[in-house]
Amino acid sequence: MIRRFLGIAVLATAMALPVVTHAQGVPGGVERGSRDGERAAGPIGAVVGGVIGGVVGGVGGVLGVDERPRFRSYVVEQRRPSYQYREDVRIGAVLPEEGVSYYDVPPEYGVRDYRYTVVNGRTVLVDPRTHRIVEVIE
């Protein structure tokens, strides 16, 4: 039984890894890895693929490590107002649709499909469809 589980896990990993390397951030990596792992090896593959996808997606995040200081400086220069949020500012938190201003990320930072805002004085990248925080820029 353990050999079978390991075989399925290895197969799911091999199938899911190329896809999750293109995932952006931990939430995207977990989602894509889980979905692709499940297709390849069922429920066990979903678990393995989700873990691997989260690790791979979390290594660089949405905004590359080298781009973070430059992007942080850009946001400070823009002097965007900070939205006061009562909950924890963390990856996965969902911001309200109303009352928060979302801004386009300039193309030179290589971030597509996400917008940024400032919450409790912290810059965050947000999925504009769901208003879910995908990265906190520290």
Protein backbone atom coordinates (compact mmCIF):
# COMPACT_ATOMS: atom_id res chain seq x y z
CA MET A 1 0.00 0.00 0.00
CA ILE A 2 2.79 2.43 0.88
CA ARG A 3 4.59 1.62 -2.39
CA ARG A 4 1.43 2.39 -4.31
CA PHE A 5 0.99 5.71 -2.49
CA LEU A 6 4.60 6.68 -3.17
CA GLY A 7 4.24 5.73 -6.82
CA ILE A 8 1.14 7.85 -7.18
CA ALA A 9 2.81 10.74 -5.35
CA VAL A 10 5.83 10.62 -7.63
CA LEU A 11 3.63 10.46 -10.72
CA ALA A 12 1.52 13.38 -9.52
CA THR A 13 4.62 15.39 -8.74
CA ALA A 14 6.11 14.75 -12.16
CA MET A 15 2.88 15.69 -13.88
CA ALA A 16 2.14 18.77 -11.77
CA LEU A 17 5.58 20.33 -11.42
CA PRO A 18 5.87 21.85 -14.92
CA VAL A 19 2.49 23.50 -14.56
CA VAL A 20 2.96 24.84 -11.06
CA THR A 21 6.27 26.43 -11.94
CA HIS A 22 4.21 28.91 -13.93
CA ALA A 23 1.87 29.55 -11.01
CA GLN A 24 2.08 32.97 -9.45
CA GLY A 25 2.41 32.97 -5.68
CA VAL A 26 1.39 30.45 -3.09
CA PRO A 27 -2.40 30.61 -3.64
CA GLY A 28 -2.04 30.18 -7.39
CA GLY A 29 0.53 27.43 -6.95
CA VAL A 30 -1.62 25.48 -4.49
CA GLU A 31 -4.71 25.83 -6.65
CA ARG A 32 -3.03 24.82 -9.90
CA GLY A 33 -0.94 22.06 -8.32
CA SER A 34 -3.94 20.56 -6.58
CA ARG A 35 -6.08 20.66 -9.72
CA ASP A 36 -3.41 19.14 -11.94
CA GLY A 37 -2.39 16.55 -9.35
CA GLU A 38 -5.99 15.44 -8.98
CA ARG A 39 -6.31 15.01 -12.74
CA ALA A 40 -3.12 12.96 -12.82
CA ALA A 41 -3.59 10.79 -9.73
CA GLY A 42 -6.90 11.46 -8.00
CA PRO A 43 -7.28 12.71 -4.42
CA ILE A 44 -3.76 11.76 -3.35
CA GLY A 45 -2.37 13.58 -6.36
CA ALA A 46 -4.38 16.66 -5.41
CA VAL A 47 -2.76 16.74 -1.97
CA VAL A 48 0.76 16.21 -3.29
CA GLY A 49 0.28 18.64 -6.18
CA GLY A 50 -1.13 21.31 -3.86
CA VAL A 51 1.84 21.11 -1.50
CA ILE A 52 4.38 21.22 -4.31
CA GLY A 53 2.51 24.02 -6.07
CA GLY A 54 2.46 26.10 -2.90
CA VAL A 55 6.19 25.65 -2.36
CA VAL A 56 7.07 26.47 -5.96
CA GLY A 57 4.68 29.41 -6.09
CA GLY A 58 5.96 30.78 -2.80
CA VAL A 59 9.63 30.79 -3.72
CA GLY A 60 9.47 33.91 -5.86
CA GLY A 61 5.97 35.13 -5.18
CA VAL A 62 4.04 37.11 -7.74
CA LEU A 63 6.51 39.97 -7.76
CA GLY A 64 10.07 38.75 -8.14
CA VAL A 65 12.42 39.14 -5.19
CA ASP A 66 14.60 41.56 -7.15
CA GLU A 67 11.63 43.77 -8.03
CA ARG A 68 10.21 44.22 -4.53
CA PRO A 69 12.39 47.12 -3.31
CA ARG A 70 11.94 49.02 -6.56
CA PHE A 71 8.17 48.44 -6.55
CA ARG A 72 7.92 49.48 -2.89
CA SER A 73 9.71 52.75 -3.78
CA TYR A 74 7.33 53.26 -6.70
CA VAL A 75 4.28 52.88 -4.44
CA VAL A 76 5.71 55.30 -1.85
CA GLU A 77 6.33 57.87 -4.61
CA GLN A 78 2.71 57.49 -5.78
CA ARG A 79 1.41 58.44 -2.30
CA ARG A 80 -1.65 56.20 -2.52
CA PRO A 81 -4.09 56.46 0.39
CA SER A 82 -4.08 53.55 2.82
CA TYR A 83 -7.30 51.61 3.32
CA GLN A 84 -7.97 50.78 6.98
CA TYR A 85 -8.78 47.07 7.26
CA ARG A 86 -9.91 45.51 10.54
CA GLU A 87 -8.69 42.02 9.72
CA ASP A 88 -5.15 40.64 9.37
CA VAL A 89 -3.33 41.85 6.25
CA ARG A 90 -2.21 38.46 4.93
CA ILE A 91 -2.16 36.37 1.80
CA GLY A 92 -5.60 34.93 1.21
CA ALA A 93 -7.53 37.70 2.96
CA VAL A 94 -10.39 39.06 0.87
CA LEU A 95 -10.75 42.84 0.69
CA PRO A 96 -14.15 44.49 0.21
CA GLU A 97 -15.30 45.40 -3.28
CA GLU A 98 -16.30 48.92 -2.20
CA GLY A 99 -14.16 51.50 -0.46
CA VAL A 100 -10.79 50.16 -1.60
CA SER A 101 -8.96 51.72 -4.54
CA TYR A 102 -7.09 49.26 -6.75
CA TYR A 103 -4.30 50.43 -9.05
CA ASP A 104 -2.64 48.92 -12.11
CA VAL A 105 0.90 47.63 -11.69
CA PRO A 106 3.17 49.28 -14.27
CA PRO A 107 4.29 46.83 -17.00
CA GLU A 108 7.99 47.14 -16.15
CA TYR A 109 7.42 45.06 -13.00
CA GLY A 110 6.24 42.05 -15.01
CA VAL A 111 3.04 41.53 -13.02
CA ARG A 112 -0.04 40.87 -15.08
CA ASP A 113 -3.50 39.94 -13.91
CA TYR A 114 -3.09 41.62 -10.51
CA ARG A 115 -3.53 45.11 -9.11
CA TYR A 116 -2.08 46.72 -6.03
CA THR A 117 -3.40 48.76 -3.16
CA VAL A 118 -2.22 49.95 0.23
CA VAL A 119 -3.87 48.39 3.29
CA ASN A 120 -3.00 49.49 6.82
CA GLY A 121 0.13 51.10 5.41
CA ARG A 122 1.27 47.89 3.66
CA THR A 123 1.43 47.39 -0.10
CA VAL A 124 -0.44 44.32 -1.32
CA LEU A 125 -1.07 42.67 -4.68
CA VAL A 126 -4.70 41.68 -5.21
CA ASP A 127 -6.57 39.47 -7.66
CA PRO A 128 -9.03 42.00 -9.17
CA ARG A 129 -11.70 39.35 -9.78
CA THR A 130 -11.87 38.06 -6.21
CA HIS A 131 -10.25 40.94 -4.26
CA ARG A 132 -8.09 38.30 -2.57
CA ILE A 133 -4.61 39.36 -1.42
CA VAL A 134 -2.04 37.27 -3.31
CA GLU A 135 1.11 38.90 -1.99
CA VAL A 136 2.12 41.32 0.75
CA ILE A 137 5.10 43.40 -0.34
CA GLU A 138 7.39 43.84 2.67
